[in-house]
Amino acid sequence: NTHLIDANLKESTGAMRIQAALTGIHTEAGGNMTETVALAKLTAAIGALNEEVAGNKMTKCLGQVTFVKGDESEKSAGAMTTMVGGAVLDKVKGGYTIEAGGPATFIGAFHKLEAKTKITFTCGASTITVDGGGVSITSPIITILASKISLTKAVSEV
């Protein structure tokens, strides 16, 4: 399943949007990409799921469920916003990468992301990687805001 659009991509669904493919799903938008689903968005692929957007990417839905046996990657040259009123469930057998050239915002009542090898979030010069070895944060500056910070084991500052 391949979608190659040289301009903006705008999809609107009044109820449920179900997309499934045996080999994989690849979407490229030459401009902005906007998806609006009134209820739930369900995506499934035995192969990889790849989205590349040359502009901003906006997804709005009540619930979002994704099952991928390969790798999943979302890349936006601009800002990326995912607004889900309920649950977001991503189950990926391979690696999961989200990359945004601008601000990346994920809003939802419940987020669950699972990947077998690693999960990587990239925004500008900052990267967060979660894999079997731990959590790695690379950024020019890190700000932590919390009412309480608890370090249960010895830590090091590099």
C-alpha atoms as a PDB file:
ATOM      1  CA  ASN A   1       0.000   0.000   0.000  1.00  0.00           C
ATOM      2  CA  THR A   2       1.792   3.138  -1.213  1.00  0.00           C
ATOM      3  CA  HIS A   3       0.554   6.753  -1.187  1.00  0.00           C
ATOM      4  CA  LEU A   4       2.741   9.323  -2.972  1.00  0.00           C
ATOM      5  CA  ILE A   5       1.274  12.835  -2.892  1.00  0.00           C
ATOM      6  CA  ASP A   6       3.241  15.831  -4.194  1.00  0.00           C
ATOM      7  CA  ALA A   7       1.002  18.351  -2.389  1.00  0.00           C
ATOM      8  CA  ASN A   8      -0.924  18.563   0.886  1.00  0.00           C
ATOM      9  CA  LEU A   9      -2.761  15.409   2.049  1.00  0.00           C
ATOM     10  CA  LYS A  10      -6.037  15.864   3.913  1.00  0.00           C
ATOM     11  CA  GLU A  11      -8.170  12.888   4.988  1.00  0.00           C
ATOM     12  CA  SER A  12     -11.411  13.124   6.936  1.00  0.00           C
ATOM     13  CA  THR A  13     -13.510  10.149   8.122  1.00  0.00           C
ATOM     14  CA  GLY A  14     -16.915  10.447   9.790  1.00  0.00           C
ATOM     15  CA  ALA A  15     -16.661   7.181  11.760  1.00  0.00           C
ATOM     16  CA  MET A  16     -13.842   4.565  11.694  1.00  0.00           C
ATOM     17  CA  ARG A  17     -10.785   4.418   9.448  1.00  0.00           C
ATOM     18  CA  ILE A  18      -9.326   0.935   9.004  1.00  0.00           C
ATOM     19  CA  GLN A  19      -6.215   0.399   6.876  1.00  0.00           C
ATOM     20  CA  ALA A  20      -4.404  -2.930   6.584  1.00  0.00           C
ATOM     21  CA  ALA A  21      -1.736  -4.284   4.241  1.00  0.00           C
ATOM     22  CA  LEU A  22       0.242  -7.506   3.931  1.00  0.00           C
ATOM     23  CA  THR A  23       3.514  -6.064   2.634  1.00  0.00           C
ATOM     24  CA  GLY A  24       3.497  -2.705   4.419  1.00  0.00           C
ATOM     25  CA  ILE A  25       2.163   0.838   4.226  1.00  0.00           C
ATOM     26  CA  HIS A  26       4.214   3.751   2.871  1.00  0.00           C
ATOM     27  CA  THR A  27       2.869   7.321   2.750  1.00  0.00           C
ATOM     28  CA  GLU A  28       4.738  10.386   1.437  1.00  0.00           C
ATOM     29  CA  ALA A  29       3.170  13.855   1.404  1.00  0.00           C
ATOM     30  CA  GLY A  30       4.960  16.722  -0.355  1.00  0.00           C
ATOM     31  CA  GLY A  31       3.182  19.307   1.838  1.00  0.00           C
ATOM     32  CA  ASN A  32       1.215  19.167   5.082  1.00  0.00           C
ATOM     33  CA  MET A  33      -0.668  16.026   6.181  1.00  0.00           C
ATOM     34  CA  THR A  34      -3.928  16.248   8.154  1.00  0.00           C
ATOM     35  CA  GLU A  35      -5.925  13.199   9.301  1.00  0.00           C
ATOM     36  CA  THR A  36      -9.252  13.647  11.102  1.00  0.00           C
ATOM     37  CA  VAL A  37     -11.205  10.557  12.238  1.00  0.00           C
ATOM     38  CA  ALA A  38     -14.419  11.019  14.247  1.00  0.00           C
ATOM     39  CA  LEU A  39     -14.071   7.701  16.103  1.00  0.00           C
ATOM     40  CA  ALA A  40     -11.167   5.254  15.847  1.00  0.00           C
ATOM     41  CA  LYS A  41      -8.193   4.869  13.535  1.00  0.00           C
ATOM     42  CA  LEU A  42      -6.974   1.256  13.170  1.00  0.00           C
ATOM     43  CA  THR A  43      -3.826   0.510  11.150  1.00  0.00           C
ATOM     44  CA  ALA A  44      -2.256  -2.933  10.678  1.00  0.00           C
ATOM     45  CA  ALA A  45       0.646  -4.132   8.523  1.00  0.00           C
ATOM     46  CA  ILE A  46       2.668  -7.332   8.316  1.00  0.00           C
ATOM     47  CA  GLY A  47       5.506  -5.312   6.745  1.00  0.00           C
ATOM     48  CA  ALA A  48       6.736  -1.854   7.752  1.00  0.00           C
ATOM     49  CA  LEU A  49       4.674   1.300   8.316  1.00  0.00           C
ATOM     50  CA  ASN A  50       6.410   4.474   7.082  1.00  0.00           C
ATOM     51  CA  GLU A  51       5.111   8.056   6.872  1.00  0.00           C
ATOM     52  CA  GLU A  52       7.153  10.989   5.540  1.00  0.00           C
ATOM     53  CA  VAL A  53       5.709  14.491   5.490  1.00  0.00           C
ATOM     54  CA  ALA A  54       7.492  17.500   3.941  1.00  0.00           C
ATOM     55  CA  GLY A  55       5.439  19.937   6.058  1.00  0.00           C
ATOM     56  CA  ASN A  56       3.453  19.698   9.293  1.00  0.00           C
ATOM     57  CA  LYS A  57       1.612  16.521  10.359  1.00  0.00           C
ATOM     58  CA  MET A  58      -1.657  16.641  12.347  1.00  0.00           C
ATOM     59  CA  THR A  59      -3.674  13.602  13.478  1.00  0.00           C
ATOM     60  CA  LYS A  60      -6.983  13.934  15.364  1.00  0.00           C
ATOM     61  CA  CYS A  61      -9.143  10.982  16.449  1.00  0.00           C
ATOM     62  CA  LEU A  62     -10.999   9.530  19.419  1.00  0.00           C
ATOM     63  CA  GLY A  63      -8.869   6.353  19.583  1.00  0.00           C
ATOM     64  CA  GLN A  64      -5.812   5.078  17.699  1.00  0.00           C
ATOM     65  CA  VAL A  65      -4.611   1.458  17.465  1.00  0.00           C
ATOM     66  CA  THR A  66      -1.611   0.354  15.369  1.00  0.00           C
ATOM     67  CA  PHE A  67      -0.220  -3.180  14.926  1.00  0.00           C
ATOM     68  CA  VAL A  68       2.951  -3.568  12.835  1.00  0.00           C
ATOM     69  CA  LYS A  69       5.081  -6.709  12.439  1.00  0.00           C
ATOM     70  CA  GLY A  70       7.948  -4.740  10.846  1.00  0.00           C
ATOM     71  CA  ASP A  71       9.366  -1.320  11.745  1.00  0.00           C
ATOM     72  CA  GLU A  72       7.268   1.830  12.165  1.00  0.00           C
ATOM     73  CA  SER A  73       8.553   5.324  11.381  1.00  0.00           C
ATOM     74  CA  GLU A  74       6.897   8.735  11.292  1.00  0.00           C
ATOM     75  CA  LYS A  75       8.891  11.679   9.968  1.00  0.00           C
ATOM     76  CA  SER A  76       7.728  15.264   9.600  1.00  0.00           C
ATOM     77  CA  ALA A  77       9.920  18.143   8.393  1.00  0.00           C
ATOM     78  CA  GLY A  78       7.686  20.511  10.378  1.00  0.00           C
ATOM     79  CA  ALA A  79       5.651  20.232  13.556  1.00  0.00           C
ATOM     80  CA  MET A  80       3.933  16.962  14.471  1.00  0.00           C
ATOM     81  CA  THR A  81       0.739  16.883  16.544  1.00  0.00           C
ATOM     82  CA  THR A  82      -1.268  13.807  17.554  1.00  0.00           C
ATOM     83  CA  MET A  83      -4.492  14.575  19.454  1.00  0.00           C
ATOM     84  CA  VAL A  84      -6.359  11.470  20.636  1.00  0.00           C
ATOM     85  CA  GLY A  85      -9.330  11.780  22.978  1.00  0.00           C
ATOM     86  CA  GLY A  86      -8.930   8.243  24.342  1.00  0.00           C
ATOM     87  CA  ALA A  87      -6.249   5.576  24.101  1.00  0.00           C
ATOM     88  CA  VAL A  88      -3.224   5.351  21.818  1.00  0.00           C
ATOM     89  CA  LEU A  89      -1.911   1.790  21.445  1.00  0.00           C
ATOM     90  CA  ASP A  90       1.086   1.071  19.196  1.00  0.00           C
ATOM     91  CA  LYS A  91       2.407  -2.499  19.121  1.00  0.00           C
ATOM     92  CA  VAL A  92       5.466  -2.800  16.877  1.00  0.00           C
ATOM     93  CA  LYS A  93       7.505  -5.999  16.420  1.00  0.00           C
ATOM     94  CA  GLY A  94      10.524  -4.071  15.075  1.00  0.00           C
ATOM     95  CA  GLY A  95      11.826  -0.588  15.850  1.00  0.00           C
ATOM     96  CA  TYR A  96       9.690   2.546  16.269  1.00  0.00           C
ATOM     97  CA  THR A  97      11.010   5.986  15.259  1.00  0.00           C
ATOM     98  CA  ILE A  98       9.287   9.375  15.462  1.00  0.00           C
ATOM     99  CA  GLU A  99      11.155  12.354  14.002  1.00  0.00           C
ATOM    100  CA  ALA A 100       9.932  15.956  13.801  1.00  0.00           C
ATOM    101  CA  GLY A 101      11.700  19.032  12.456  1.00  0.00           C
ATOM    102  CA  GLY A 102       9.581  21.250  14.714  1.00  0.00           C
ATOM    103  CA  PRO A 103       7.671  20.800  17.973  1.00  0.00           C
ATOM    104  CA  ALA A 104       6.233  17.303  18.519  1.00  0.00           C
ATOM    105  CA  THR A 105       3.059  17.155  20.634  1.00  0.00           C
ATOM    106  CA  PHE A 106       1.270  13.957  21.686  1.00  0.00           C
ATOM    107  CA  ILE A 107      -2.040  14.419  23.513  1.00  0.00           C
ATOM    108  CA  GLY A 108      -4.130  11.475  24.725  1.00  0.00           C
ATOM    109  CA  ALA A 109      -5.776  10.011  27.783  1.00  0.00           C
ATOM    110  CA  PHE A 110      -3.551   6.908  27.620  1.00  0.00           C
ATOM    111  CA  HIS A 111      -0.431   6.190  25.536  1.00  0.00           C
ATOM    112  CA  LYS A 112       1.109   2.739  25.230  1.00  0.00           C
ATOM    113  CA  LEU A 113       3.998   2.261  22.823  1.00  0.00           C
ATOM    114  CA  GLU A 114       5.629  -1.169  22.499  1.00  0.00           C
ATOM    115  CA  ALA A 115       8.536  -2.082  20.244  1.00  0.00           C
ATOM    116  CA  LYS A 116      10.637  -5.240  20.213  1.00  0.00           C
ATOM    117  CA  THR A 117      14.014  -3.591  19.439  1.00  0.00           C
ATOM    118  CA  LYS A 118      13.871   0.122  20.300  1.00  0.00           C
ATOM    119  CA  ILE A 119      11.784   3.295  20.378  1.00  0.00           C
ATOM    120  CA  THR A 120      13.379   6.547  19.230  1.00  0.00           C
ATOM    121  CA  PHE A 121      11.945  10.074  19.480  1.00  0.00           C
ATOM    122  CA  THR A 122      13.814  12.805  17.587  1.00  0.00           C
ATOM    123  CA  CYS A 123      12.996  16.498  17.470  1.00  0.00           C
ATOM    124  CA  GLY A 124      15.618  18.907  16.128  1.00  0.00           C
ATOM    125  CA  ALA A 125      18.944  18.230  17.883  1.00  0.00           C
ATOM    126  CA  SER A 126      17.318  16.185  20.692  1.00  0.00           C
ATOM    127  CA  THR A 127      16.860  12.402  20.771  1.00  0.00           C
ATOM    128  CA  ILE A 128      15.376   9.989  23.309  1.00  0.00           C
ATOM    129  CA  THR A 129      16.063   6.284  22.694  1.00  0.00           C
ATOM    130  CA  VAL A 130      14.588   3.429  24.723  1.00  0.00           C
ATOM    131  CA  ASP A 131      16.034  -0.050  24.103  1.00  0.00           C
ATOM    132  CA  GLY A 132      17.082  -3.164  26.020  1.00  0.00           C
ATOM    133  CA  GLY A 133      20.140  -1.322  27.381  1.00  0.00           C
ATOM    134  CA  GLY A 134      18.170   1.526  28.968  1.00  0.00           C
ATOM    135  CA  VAL A 135      17.106   5.081  28.171  1.00  0.00           C
ATOM    136  CA  SER A 136      19.421   7.481  26.376  1.00  0.00           C
ATOM    137  CA  ILE A 137      18.715  11.233  26.174  1.00  0.00           C
ATOM    138  CA  THR A 138      20.841  13.383  23.876  1.00  0.00           C
ATOM    139  CA  SER A 139      20.108  17.100  23.773  1.00  0.00           C
ATOM    140  CA  PRO A 140      21.866  20.481  23.829  1.00  0.00           C
ATOM    141  CA  ILE A 141      19.913  21.273  27.043  1.00  0.00           C
ATOM    142  CA  ILE A 142      17.583  19.239  29.292  1.00  0.00           C
ATOM    143  CA  THR A 143      15.012  20.767  31.638  1.00  0.00           C
ATOM    144  CA  ILE A 144      13.180  18.582  34.160  1.00  0.00           C
ATOM    145  CA  LEU A 145      10.074  19.964  35.869  1.00  0.00           C
ATOM    146  CA  ALA A 146       8.573  17.825  38.632  1.00  0.00           C
ATOM    147  CA  SER A 147       7.194  18.173  42.135  1.00  0.00           C
ATOM    148  CA  LYS A 148       9.568  15.383  43.221  1.00  0.00           C
ATOM    149  CA  ILE A 149      12.596  13.732  41.607  1.00  0.00           C
ATOM    150  CA  SER A 150      13.747  10.416  43.067  1.00  0.00           C
ATOM    151  CA  LEU A 151      16.951   8.673  41.962  1.00  0.00           C
ATOM    152  CA  THR A 152      16.828   5.124  43.334  1.00  0.00           C
ATOM    153  CA  LYS A 153      20.295   4.026  42.181  1.00  0.00           C
ATOM    154  CA  ALA A 154      23.686   5.611  41.688  1.00  0.00           C
ATOM    155  CA  VAL A 155      23.671   7.986  38.727  1.00  0.00           C
ATOM    156  CA  SER A 156      26.341   9.787  36.763  1.00  0.00           C
ATOM    157  CA  GLU A 157      26.375  13.151  35.051  1.00  0.00           C
ATOM    158  CA  VAL A 158      28.492  13.448  31.930  1.00  0.00           C
END
